[in-house]
Amino acid sequence: MRSKLLTLFMAVAVVVALAAEFSVAALAYQGNANKSAAPAKPKAKKRKKPASHVAAMPTTPEGCLNRLATLAAKEPLPSYDGEPSKIINEGMLWTDGKAKCPVTDQAQRLKLLGLANKWRANDAAGVRSALQEMGATASPTAEAAPVKMHKRRPAKAKAKAANTNSGV
């Protein structure tokens, strides 16, 4: 039993000594640690796709109501989590300087909260009637006009120059 323990102890000591020697050797040999092995290739830039369906937020309460009515006129009723939520919460119910189209009348604010609840419940008829009651008019002409987007093509000369390894 004693000889087995002695053998085990010697094996552990040898492993610890070798590990210490390798780590010291690795620290001592840092000749080219700050130099890169090869020149780095430029990374390809990813372009963000512009959202063609997102319209700018209106700046008047009437404009916001009309935009909500335009959204509500679609079949099926769009989800509340997208643009309707942004218009109601960030545009109409805020009253500080950041609000785009603030509503200060308390009765109108309560109607807006009811509208938001109907929209969350996916009650299309209730949403449309609440918007009509508040004086909103849908303008389908603004929605029907397609947005023209120009596709940008990368310059071939720049792309070719970036891919060649001249001088290496």
N, C-alpha and C. Protein backbone atom coordinates (compact mmCIF):
# COMPACT_ATOMS: atom_id res chain seq x y z
N MET A 1 0.83 -1.18 0.00
CA MET A 1 0.00 0.00 0.00
C MET A 1 0.87 1.25 0.00
N ARG A 2 1.96 1.19 0.79
CA ARG A 2 2.85 2.32 0.89
C ARG A 2 3.58 2.56 -0.42
N SER A 3 3.94 1.51 -1.09
CA SER A 3 4.64 1.66 -2.36
C SER A 3 3.72 2.24 -3.44
N LYS A 4 2.43 1.88 -3.40
CA LYS A 4 1.47 2.42 -4.36
C LYS A 4 1.28 3.92 -4.14
N LEU A 5 1.19 4.36 -2.90
CA LEU A 5 1.06 5.78 -2.60
C LEU A 5 2.30 6.55 -3.03
N LEU A 6 3.48 5.96 -2.80
CA LEU A 6 4.73 6.61 -3.18
C LEU A 6 4.81 6.75 -4.70
N THR A 7 4.40 5.71 -5.42
CA THR A 7 4.40 5.76 -6.89
C THR A 7 3.42 6.81 -7.40
N LEU A 8 2.25 6.86 -6.80
CA LEU A 8 1.24 7.86 -7.18
C LEU A 8 1.74 9.27 -6.91
N PHE A 9 2.36 9.49 -5.78
CA PHE A 9 2.90 10.80 -5.42
C PHE A 9 3.97 11.23 -6.41
N MET A 10 4.85 10.30 -6.80
CA MET A 10 5.92 10.62 -7.74
C MET A 10 5.33 10.98 -9.13
N ALA A 11 4.29 10.25 -9.53
CA ALA A 11 3.66 10.54 -10.83
C ALA A 11 3.03 11.93 -10.83
N VAL A 12 2.36 12.28 -9.76
CA VAL A 12 1.75 13.61 -9.65
C VAL A 12 2.82 14.68 -9.65
N ALA A 13 3.92 14.46 -8.96
CA ALA A 13 5.01 15.44 -8.90
C ALA A 13 5.62 15.65 -10.28
N VAL A 14 5.80 14.58 -11.03
CA VAL A 14 6.37 14.69 -12.36
C VAL A 14 5.42 15.49 -13.28
N VAL A 15 4.12 15.22 -13.20
CA VAL A 15 3.15 15.94 -14.03
C VAL A 15 3.14 17.43 -13.69
N VAL A 16 3.18 17.76 -12.41
CA VAL A 16 3.19 19.17 -11.99
C VAL A 16 4.46 19.85 -12.46
N ALA A 17 5.60 19.17 -12.37
CA ALA A 17 6.87 19.76 -12.80
C ALA A 17 6.87 20.01 -14.31
N LEU A 18 6.36 19.05 -15.08
CA LEU A 18 6.30 19.24 -16.54
C LEU A 18 5.35 20.37 -16.92
N ALA A 19 4.22 20.46 -16.26
CA ALA A 19 3.27 21.53 -16.55
C ALA A 19 3.87 22.89 -16.24
N ALA A 20 4.59 23.00 -15.15
CA ALA A 20 5.22 24.27 -14.79
C ALA A 20 6.29 24.64 -15.80
N GLU A 21 7.05 23.65 -16.25
CA GLU A 21 8.12 23.92 -17.21
C GLU A 21 7.55 24.39 -18.55
N PHE A 22 6.45 23.77 -19.02
CA PHE A 22 5.84 24.17 -20.28
C PHE A 22 5.25 25.57 -20.20
N SER A 23 4.63 25.91 -19.08
CA SER A 23 4.04 27.25 -18.97
C SER A 23 5.13 28.32 -18.90
N VAL A 24 6.26 28.03 -18.24
CA VAL A 24 7.37 28.99 -18.18
C VAL A 24 7.97 29.15 -19.57
N ALA A 25 8.11 28.05 -20.30
CA ALA A 25 8.68 28.13 -21.65
C ALA A 25 7.75 28.93 -22.56
N ALA A 26 6.46 28.78 -22.43
CA ALA A 26 5.51 29.52 -23.26
C ALA A 26 5.58 31.01 -22.95
N LEU A 27 5.75 31.36 -21.70
CA LEU A 27 5.85 32.78 -21.33
C LEU A 27 7.16 33.38 -21.81
N ALA A 28 8.22 32.61 -21.78
CA ALA A 28 9.53 33.13 -22.18
C ALA A 28 9.60 33.33 -23.69
N TYR A 29 8.91 32.53 -24.49
CA TYR A 29 8.96 32.63 -25.94
C TYR A 29 7.75 33.37 -26.47
N GLN A 30 7.83 34.66 -26.43
CA GLN A 30 6.78 35.50 -27.02
C GLN A 30 7.42 36.41 -28.06
N GLY A 31 8.22 35.84 -28.91
CA GLY A 31 8.98 36.61 -29.89
C GLY A 31 8.11 37.49 -30.77
N ASN A 32 7.11 36.97 -31.41
CA ASN A 32 6.27 37.74 -32.35
C ASN A 32 4.83 37.80 -31.87
N ALA A 33 4.63 37.99 -30.60
CA ALA A 33 3.28 37.99 -30.05
C ALA A 33 2.48 39.19 -30.53
N ASN A 34 3.13 40.34 -30.78
CA ASN A 34 2.41 41.54 -31.17
C ASN A 34 2.22 41.66 -32.67
N LYS A 35 2.88 40.82 -33.47
CA LYS A 35 2.77 40.89 -34.91
C LYS A 35 1.76 39.86 -35.39
N SER A 36 0.96 40.26 -36.36
CA SER A 36 0.00 39.31 -36.91
C SER A 36 0.69 38.43 -37.94
N ALA A 37 0.21 37.24 -38.14
CA ALA A 37 0.83 36.30 -39.05
C ALA A 37 0.64 36.72 -40.50
N ALA A 38 -0.51 37.23 -40.84
CA ALA A 38 -0.80 37.63 -42.21
C ALA A 38 -1.61 38.92 -42.17
N PRO A 39 -1.55 39.70 -43.23
CA PRO A 39 -2.36 40.92 -43.22
C PRO A 39 -3.85 40.58 -43.18
N ALA A 40 -4.56 41.32 -42.38
CA ALA A 40 -6.00 41.06 -42.22
C ALA A 40 -6.76 41.51 -43.46
N LYS A 41 -7.70 40.69 -43.88
CA LYS A 41 -8.54 41.05 -45.02
C LYS A 41 -9.64 41.99 -44.55
N PRO A 42 -9.99 42.97 -45.34
CA PRO A 42 -11.09 43.85 -44.93
C PRO A 42 -12.40 43.08 -44.90
N LYS A 43 -13.17 43.34 -43.88
CA LYS A 43 -14.45 42.65 -43.73
C LYS A 43 -15.48 43.26 -44.67
N ALA A 44 -16.30 42.41 -45.20
CA ALA A 44 -17.37 42.88 -46.08
C ALA A 44 -18.42 43.58 -45.22
N LYS A 45 -18.83 44.75 -45.65
CA LYS A 45 -19.82 45.50 -44.88
C LYS A 45 -21.21 44.99 -45.22
N LYS A 46 -22.00 44.75 -44.19
CA LYS A 46 -23.37 44.33 -44.40
C LYS A 46 -24.25 45.57 -44.48
N ARG A 47 -25.08 45.59 -45.48
CA ARG A 47 -25.97 46.73 -45.64
C ARG A 47 -27.31 46.42 -45.02
N LYS A 48 -27.85 47.41 -44.37
CA LYS A 48 -29.19 47.27 -43.82
C LYS A 48 -30.20 47.52 -44.93
N LYS A 49 -31.19 46.68 -44.96
CA LYS A 49 -32.23 46.86 -45.96
C LYS A 49 -33.19 47.94 -45.48
N PRO A 50 -33.45 48.92 -46.30
CA PRO A 50 -34.40 49.96 -45.87
C PRO A 50 -35.81 49.39 -45.82
N ALA A 51 -36.52 49.76 -44.80
CA ALA A 51 -37.89 49.30 -44.66
C ALA A 51 -38.77 50.16 -45.57
N SER A 52 -39.28 49.55 -46.62
CA SER A 52 -40.04 50.31 -47.59
C SER A 52 -41.48 50.54 -47.15
N HIS A 53 -41.96 49.72 -46.22
CA HIS A 53 -43.36 49.82 -45.82
C HIS A 53 -43.57 50.75 -44.62
N VAL A 54 -42.52 51.21 -43.99
CA VAL A 54 -42.67 52.04 -42.80
C VAL A 54 -42.76 53.51 -43.23
N ALA A 55 -43.82 54.14 -42.82
CA ALA A 55 -44.01 55.55 -43.13
C ALA A 55 -43.58 56.38 -41.91
N ALA A 56 -43.25 57.64 -42.16
CA ALA A 56 -42.86 58.52 -41.07
C ALA A 56 -44.06 58.80 -40.18
N MET A 57 -43.78 58.99 -38.89
CA MET A 57 -44.86 59.25 -37.95
C MET A 57 -45.39 60.67 -38.18
N PRO A 58 -46.70 60.81 -38.28
CA PRO A 58 -47.30 62.15 -38.46
C PRO A 58 -46.99 63.04 -37.26
N THR A 59 -47.13 64.35 -37.46
CA THR A 59 -46.78 65.30 -36.41
C THR A 59 -47.97 65.99 -35.79
N THR A 60 -49.18 65.70 -36.24
CA THR A 60 -50.37 66.30 -35.65
C THR A 60 -51.28 65.18 -35.14
N PRO A 61 -52.11 65.47 -34.13
CA PRO A 61 -53.03 64.43 -33.66
C PRO A 61 -53.98 63.94 -34.75
N GLU A 62 -54.42 64.86 -35.63
CA GLU A 62 -55.30 64.45 -36.73
C GLU A 62 -54.57 63.52 -37.69
N GLY A 63 -53.31 63.84 -37.97
CA GLY A 63 -52.51 63.00 -38.85
C GLY A 63 -52.28 61.62 -38.26
N CYS A 64 -52.06 61.58 -36.94
CA CYS A 64 -51.88 60.28 -36.28
C CYS A 64 -53.16 59.46 -36.33
N LEU A 65 -54.30 60.11 -36.08
CA LEU A 65 -55.58 59.40 -36.15
C LEU A 65 -55.85 58.89 -37.57
N ASN A 66 -55.53 59.71 -38.56
CA ASN A 66 -55.74 59.30 -39.94
C ASN A 66 -54.82 58.14 -40.31
N ARG A 67 -53.60 58.14 -39.82
CA ARG A 67 -52.67 57.04 -40.08
C ARG A 67 -53.19 55.75 -39.41
N LEU A 68 -53.71 55.87 -38.18
CA LEU A 68 -54.29 54.71 -37.51
C LEU A 68 -55.49 54.18 -38.29
N ALA A 69 -56.32 55.10 -38.82
CA ALA A 69 -57.48 54.67 -39.60
C ALA A 69 -57.05 53.97 -40.88
N THR A 70 -55.97 54.44 -41.49
CA THR A 70 -55.45 53.79 -42.69
C THR A 70 -54.97 52.38 -42.36
N LEU A 71 -54.29 52.24 -41.22
CA LEU A 71 -53.83 50.91 -40.81
C LEU A 71 -55.01 50.00 -40.48
N ALA A 72 -56.03 50.56 -39.84
CA ALA A 72 -57.19 49.75 -39.44
C ALA A 72 -58.02 49.33 -40.64
N ALA A 73 -57.90 50.06 -41.77
CA ALA A 73 -58.69 49.73 -42.95
C ALA A 73 -58.19 48.47 -43.64
N LYS A 74 -56.98 48.02 -43.31
CA LYS A 74 -56.42 46.82 -43.94
C LYS A 74 -57.13 45.58 -43.43
N GLU A 75 -57.20 44.58 -44.32
CA GLU A 75 -57.77 43.28 -43.95
C GLU A 75 -56.67 42.25 -44.03
N PRO A 76 -56.41 41.47 -43.06
CA PRO A 76 -56.92 41.49 -41.71
C PRO A 76 -56.29 42.65 -40.92
N LEU A 77 -56.85 42.90 -39.77
CA LEU A 77 -56.37 43.99 -38.91
C LEU A 77 -54.91 43.72 -38.53
N PRO A 78 -54.00 44.68 -38.77
CA PRO A 78 -52.60 44.47 -38.40
C PRO A 78 -52.43 44.32 -36.90
N SER A 79 -51.35 43.68 -36.51
CA SER A 79 -51.06 43.48 -35.09
C SER A 79 -50.82 44.83 -34.41
N TYR A 80 -51.24 44.93 -33.16
CA TYR A 80 -51.07 46.18 -32.41
C TYR A 80 -49.60 46.43 -32.09
N ASP A 81 -48.80 45.37 -32.03
CA ASP A 81 -47.41 45.50 -31.56
C ASP A 81 -46.52 46.31 -32.49
N GLY A 82 -46.89 46.53 -33.70
CA GLY A 82 -46.05 47.25 -34.64
C GLY A 82 -46.26 48.75 -34.61
N GLU A 83 -46.64 49.28 -35.76
CA GLU A 83 -46.80 50.72 -35.92
C GLU A 83 -47.94 51.31 -35.10
N PRO A 84 -49.10 50.63 -34.96
CA PRO A 84 -50.16 51.22 -34.13
C PRO A 84 -49.72 51.48 -32.69
N SER A 85 -48.99 50.56 -32.12
CA SER A 85 -48.50 50.75 -30.75
C SER A 85 -47.58 51.96 -30.66
N LYS A 86 -46.71 52.10 -31.66
CA LYS A 86 -45.77 53.23 -31.65
C LYS A 86 -46.52 54.55 -31.78
N ILE A 87 -47.52 54.60 -32.66
CA ILE A 87 -48.26 55.85 -32.86
C ILE A 87 -49.04 56.22 -31.59
N ILE A 88 -49.71 55.24 -30.99
CA ILE A 88 -50.54 55.53 -29.82
C ILE A 88 -49.67 55.82 -28.60
N ASN A 89 -48.74 54.93 -28.29
CA ASN A 89 -47.97 55.06 -27.05
C ASN A 89 -46.91 56.15 -27.13
N GLU A 90 -46.12 56.16 -28.19
CA GLU A 90 -45.02 57.11 -28.27
C GLU A 90 -45.41 58.43 -28.91
N GLY A 91 -46.50 58.45 -29.64
CA GLY A 91 -46.88 59.67 -30.33
C GLY A 91 -47.99 60.44 -29.66
N MET A 92 -49.08 59.74 -29.30
CA MET A 92 -50.26 60.45 -28.84
C MET A 92 -50.40 60.53 -27.33
N LEU A 93 -49.96 59.52 -26.61
CA LEU A 93 -50.15 59.52 -25.16
C LEU A 93 -49.03 60.20 -24.39
N TRP A 94 -47.88 60.43 -25.01
CA TRP A 94 -46.82 61.17 -24.34
C TRP A 94 -47.17 62.64 -24.39
N THR A 95 -46.78 63.36 -23.33
CA THR A 95 -47.07 64.79 -23.30
C THR A 95 -45.81 65.63 -23.14
N ASP A 96 -44.64 65.02 -23.21
CA ASP A 96 -43.41 65.80 -23.07
C ASP A 96 -42.94 66.30 -24.43
N GLY A 97 -41.77 66.86 -24.50
CA GLY A 97 -41.26 67.44 -25.74
C GLY A 97 -40.93 66.42 -26.81
N LYS A 98 -40.77 65.15 -26.45
CA LYS A 98 -40.41 64.12 -27.42
C LYS A 98 -41.61 63.60 -28.21
N ALA A 99 -42.81 63.88 -27.74
CA ALA A 99 -44.01 63.35 -28.38
C ALA A 99 -44.19 63.99 -29.75
N LYS A 100 -44.58 63.20 -30.74
CA LYS A 100 -44.79 63.70 -32.09
C LYS A 100 -46.16 64.36 -32.25
N CYS A 101 -47.19 63.73 -31.70
CA CYS A 101 -48.55 64.28 -31.84
C CYS A 101 -49.30 64.08 -30.52
N PRO A 102 -48.96 64.85 -29.49
CA PRO A 102 -49.55 64.63 -28.17
C PRO A 102 -51.02 65.04 -28.11
N VAL A 103 -51.79 64.29 -27.31
CA VAL A 103 -53.20 64.59 -27.06
C VAL A 103 -53.29 64.99 -25.60
N THR A 104 -53.81 66.19 -25.32
CA THR A 104 -53.88 66.68 -23.95
C THR A 104 -55.27 66.57 -23.35
N ASP A 105 -56.30 66.42 -24.16
CA ASP A 105 -57.68 66.31 -23.67
C ASP A 105 -57.86 64.95 -22.99
N GLN A 106 -58.30 64.96 -21.72
CA GLN A 106 -58.42 63.72 -20.95
C GLN A 106 -59.46 62.76 -21.55
N ALA A 107 -60.56 63.29 -22.06
CA ALA A 107 -61.58 62.43 -22.66
C ALA A 107 -61.02 61.73 -23.91
N GLN A 108 -60.25 62.47 -24.70
CA GLN A 108 -59.65 61.90 -25.91
C GLN A 108 -58.61 60.84 -25.53
N ARG A 109 -57.87 61.07 -24.45
CA ARG A 109 -56.87 60.09 -24.00
C ARG A 109 -57.55 58.80 -23.55
N LEU A 110 -58.69 58.91 -22.88
CA LEU A 110 -59.43 57.71 -22.46
C LEU A 110 -59.94 56.94 -23.68
N LYS A 111 -60.39 57.68 -24.70
CA LYS A 111 -60.83 57.02 -25.93
C LYS A 111 -59.65 56.30 -26.60
N LEU A 112 -58.46 56.91 -26.55
CA LEU A 112 -57.28 56.28 -27.12
C LEU A 112 -56.93 54.98 -26.38
N LEU A 113 -57.07 54.99 -25.06
CA LEU A 113 -56.80 53.78 -24.29
C LEU A 113 -57.81 52.68 -24.65
N GLY A 114 -59.07 53.07 -24.82
CA GLY A 114 -60.07 52.10 -25.25
C GLY A 114 -59.78 51.55 -26.64
N LEU A 115 -59.32 52.43 -27.54
CA LEU A 115 -58.95 52.01 -28.89
C LEU A 115 -57.79 51.01 -28.83
N ALA A 116 -56.81 51.31 -28.00
CA ALA A 116 -55.66 50.40 -27.88
C ALA A 116 -56.10 49.03 -27.35
N ASN A 117 -57.00 49.02 -26.38
CA ASN A 117 -57.49 47.75 -25.84
C ASN A 117 -58.26 46.96 -26.90
N LYS A 118 -59.09 47.65 -27.70
CA LYS A 118 -59.82 46.96 -28.78
C LYS A 118 -58.85 46.41 -29.82
N TRP A 119 -57.79 47.17 -30.10
CA TRP A 119 -56.82 46.73 -31.11
C TRP A 119 -56.06 45.50 -30.61
N ARG A 120 -55.71 45.51 -29.32
CA ARG A 120 -55.04 44.34 -28.75
C ARG A 120 -55.93 43.11 -28.77
N ALA A 121 -57.25 43.32 -28.59
CA ALA A 121 -58.20 42.21 -28.61
C ALA A 121 -58.54 41.78 -30.03
N ASN A 122 -57.98 42.46 -31.03
CA ASN A 122 -58.19 42.14 -32.44
C ASN A 122 -59.65 42.32 -32.86
N ASP A 123 -60.30 43.33 -32.30
CA ASP A 123 -61.69 43.65 -32.62
C ASP A 123 -61.69 44.70 -33.74
N ALA A 124 -61.68 44.25 -34.99
CA ALA A 124 -61.56 45.16 -36.13
C ALA A 124 -62.72 46.14 -36.22
N ALA A 125 -63.94 45.65 -36.04
CA ALA A 125 -65.11 46.53 -36.13
C ALA A 125 -65.08 47.58 -35.03
N GLY A 126 -64.72 47.19 -33.83
CA GLY A 126 -64.64 48.12 -32.71
C GLY A 126 -63.56 49.17 -32.92
N VAL A 127 -62.42 48.76 -33.50
CA VAL A 127 -61.33 49.70 -33.77
C VAL A 127 -61.76 50.72 -34.80
N ARG A 128 -62.40 50.25 -35.87
CA ARG A 128 -62.82 51.18 -36.93
C ARG A 128 -63.90 52.14 -36.45
N SER A 129 -64.84 51.65 -35.64
CA SER A 129 -65.90 52.54 -35.14
C SER A 129 -65.33 53.55 -34.15
N ALA A 130 -64.37 53.12 -33.32
CA ALA A 130 -63.76 54.05 -32.37
C ALA A 130 -62.98 55.14 -33.10
N LEU A 131 -62.30 54.76 -34.17
CA LEU A 131 -61.56 55.76 -34.94
C LEU A 131 -62.50 56.73 -35.65
N GLN A 132 -63.63 56.24 -36.17
CA GLN A 132 -64.60 57.13 -36.80
C GLN A 132 -65.19 58.08 -35.77
N GLU A 133 -65.45 57.58 -34.58
CA GLU A 133 -66.00 58.41 -33.50
C GLU A 133 -65.03 59.52 -33.11
N MET A 134 -63.73 59.22 -33.20
CA MET A 134 -62.72 60.22 -32.83
C MET A 134 -62.44 61.19 -33.97
N GLY A 135 -63.01 60.94 -35.16
CA GLY A 135 -62.86 61.88 -36.27
C GLY A 135 -61.76 61.52 -37.24
N ALA A 136 -61.35 60.28 -37.29
CA ALA A 136 -60.30 59.87 -38.21
C ALA A 136 -60.89 59.49 -39.56
N THR A 137 -60.14 59.78 -40.59
CA THR A 137 -60.53 59.38 -41.94
C THR A 137 -59.38 58.61 -42.56
N ALA A 138 -59.71 57.49 -43.19
CA ALA A 138 -58.68 56.68 -43.84
C ALA A 138 -58.39 57.25 -45.21
N SER A 139 -57.12 57.31 -45.55
CA SER A 139 -56.73 57.80 -46.87
C SER A 139 -56.02 56.67 -47.60
N PRO A 140 -56.77 55.88 -48.39
CA PRO A 140 -56.16 54.74 -49.07
C PRO A 140 -55.19 55.15 -50.17
N THR A 141 -55.27 56.40 -50.64
CA THR A 141 -54.38 56.81 -51.72
C THR A 141 -52.93 56.87 -51.25
N ALA A 142 -52.71 57.25 -50.01
CA ALA A 142 -51.34 57.32 -49.50
C ALA A 142 -50.76 55.93 -49.35
N GLU A 143 -51.58 54.95 -49.00
CA GLU A 143 -51.11 53.58 -48.83
C GLU A 143 -50.88 52.91 -50.18
N ALA A 144 -51.72 53.22 -51.17
CA ALA A 144 -51.65 52.52 -52.44
C ALA A 144 -50.47 52.95 -53.28
N ALA A 145 -49.95 54.15 -53.05
CA ALA A 145 -48.82 54.63 -53.85
C ALA A 145 -47.57 53.83 -53.50
N PRO A 146 -46.98 53.15 -54.50
CA PRO A 146 -45.79 52.35 -54.21
C PRO A 146 -44.58 53.25 -53.96
N VAL A 147 -43.71 52.79 -53.11
CA VAL A 147 -42.49 53.52 -52.80
C VAL A 147 -41.40 52.99 -53.72
N LYS A 148 -40.79 53.88 -54.50
CA LYS A 148 -39.74 53.45 -55.42
C LYS A 148 -38.42 53.44 -54.68
N MET A 149 -37.75 52.31 -54.75
CA MET A 149 -36.44 52.17 -54.11
C MET A 149 -35.42 51.85 -55.20
N HIS A 150 -34.31 52.52 -55.18
CA HIS A 150 -33.25 52.26 -56.14
C HIS A 150 -32.30 51.26 -55.52
N LYS A 151 -31.95 50.24 -56.30
CA LYS A 151 -30.97 49.27 -55.82
C LYS A 151 -29.58 49.80 -56.12
N ARG A 152 -28.76 49.76 -55.10
CA ARG A 152 -27.38 50.20 -55.27
C ARG A 152 -26.52 48.99 -55.57
N ARG A 153 -25.69 49.13 -56.56
CA ARG A 153 -24.76 48.06 -56.91
C ARG A 153 -23.37 48.45 -56.45
N PRO A 154 -22.62 47.50 -55.91
CA PRO A 154 -21.27 47.85 -55.46
C PRO A 154 -20.36 48.15 -56.66
N ALA A 155 -19.45 49.04 -56.46
CA ALA A 155 -18.51 49.39 -57.52
C ALA A 155 -17.58 48.21 -57.74
N LYS A 156 -17.52 47.72 -58.97
CA LYS A 156 -16.73 46.53 -59.26
C LYS A 156 -15.24 46.80 -59.11
N ALA A 157 -14.80 47.99 -59.48
CA ALA A 157 -13.37 48.29 -59.38
C ALA A 157 -12.93 48.29 -57.92
N LYS A 158 -13.73 48.85 -57.03
CA LYS A 158 -13.34 48.87 -55.62
C LYS A 158 -13.36 47.47 -55.03
N ALA A 159 -14.35 46.69 -55.39
CA ALA A 159 -14.42 45.33 -54.88
C ALA A 159 -13.27 44.49 -55.37
N LYS A 160 -12.85 44.70 -56.64
CA LYS A 160 -11.74 43.93 -57.20
C LYS A 160 -10.44 44.35 -56.55
N ALA A 161 -10.25 45.64 -56.31
CA ALA A 161 -9.03 46.12 -55.68
C ALA A 161 -8.90 45.63 -54.26
N ALA A 162 -10.01 45.51 -53.56
CA ALA A 162 -9.97 45.05 -52.17
C ALA A 162 -9.67 43.56 -52.08
N ASN A 163 -9.97 42.80 -53.13
CA ASN A 163 -9.76 41.36 -53.10
C ASN A 163 -8.40 40.93 -53.60
N THR A 164 -7.65 41.78 -54.26
CA THR A 164 -6.34 41.38 -54.78
C THR A 164 -5.29 41.58 -53.71
N ASN A 165 -4.29 40.73 -53.71
CA ASN A 165 -3.18 40.82 -52.76
C ASN A 165 -1.96 41.33 -53.50
N SER A 166 -1.94 42.59 -53.81
CA SER A 166 -0.82 43.14 -54.56
C SER A 166 0.37 43.37 -53.62
N GLY A 167 1.52 42.94 -54.05
CA GLY A 167 2.72 43.15 -53.28
C GLY A 167 2.99 42.10 -52.23
N VAL A 168 2.21 41.06 -52.15
CA VAL A 168 2.44 40.05 -51.12
C VAL A 168 2.80 38.74 -51.77
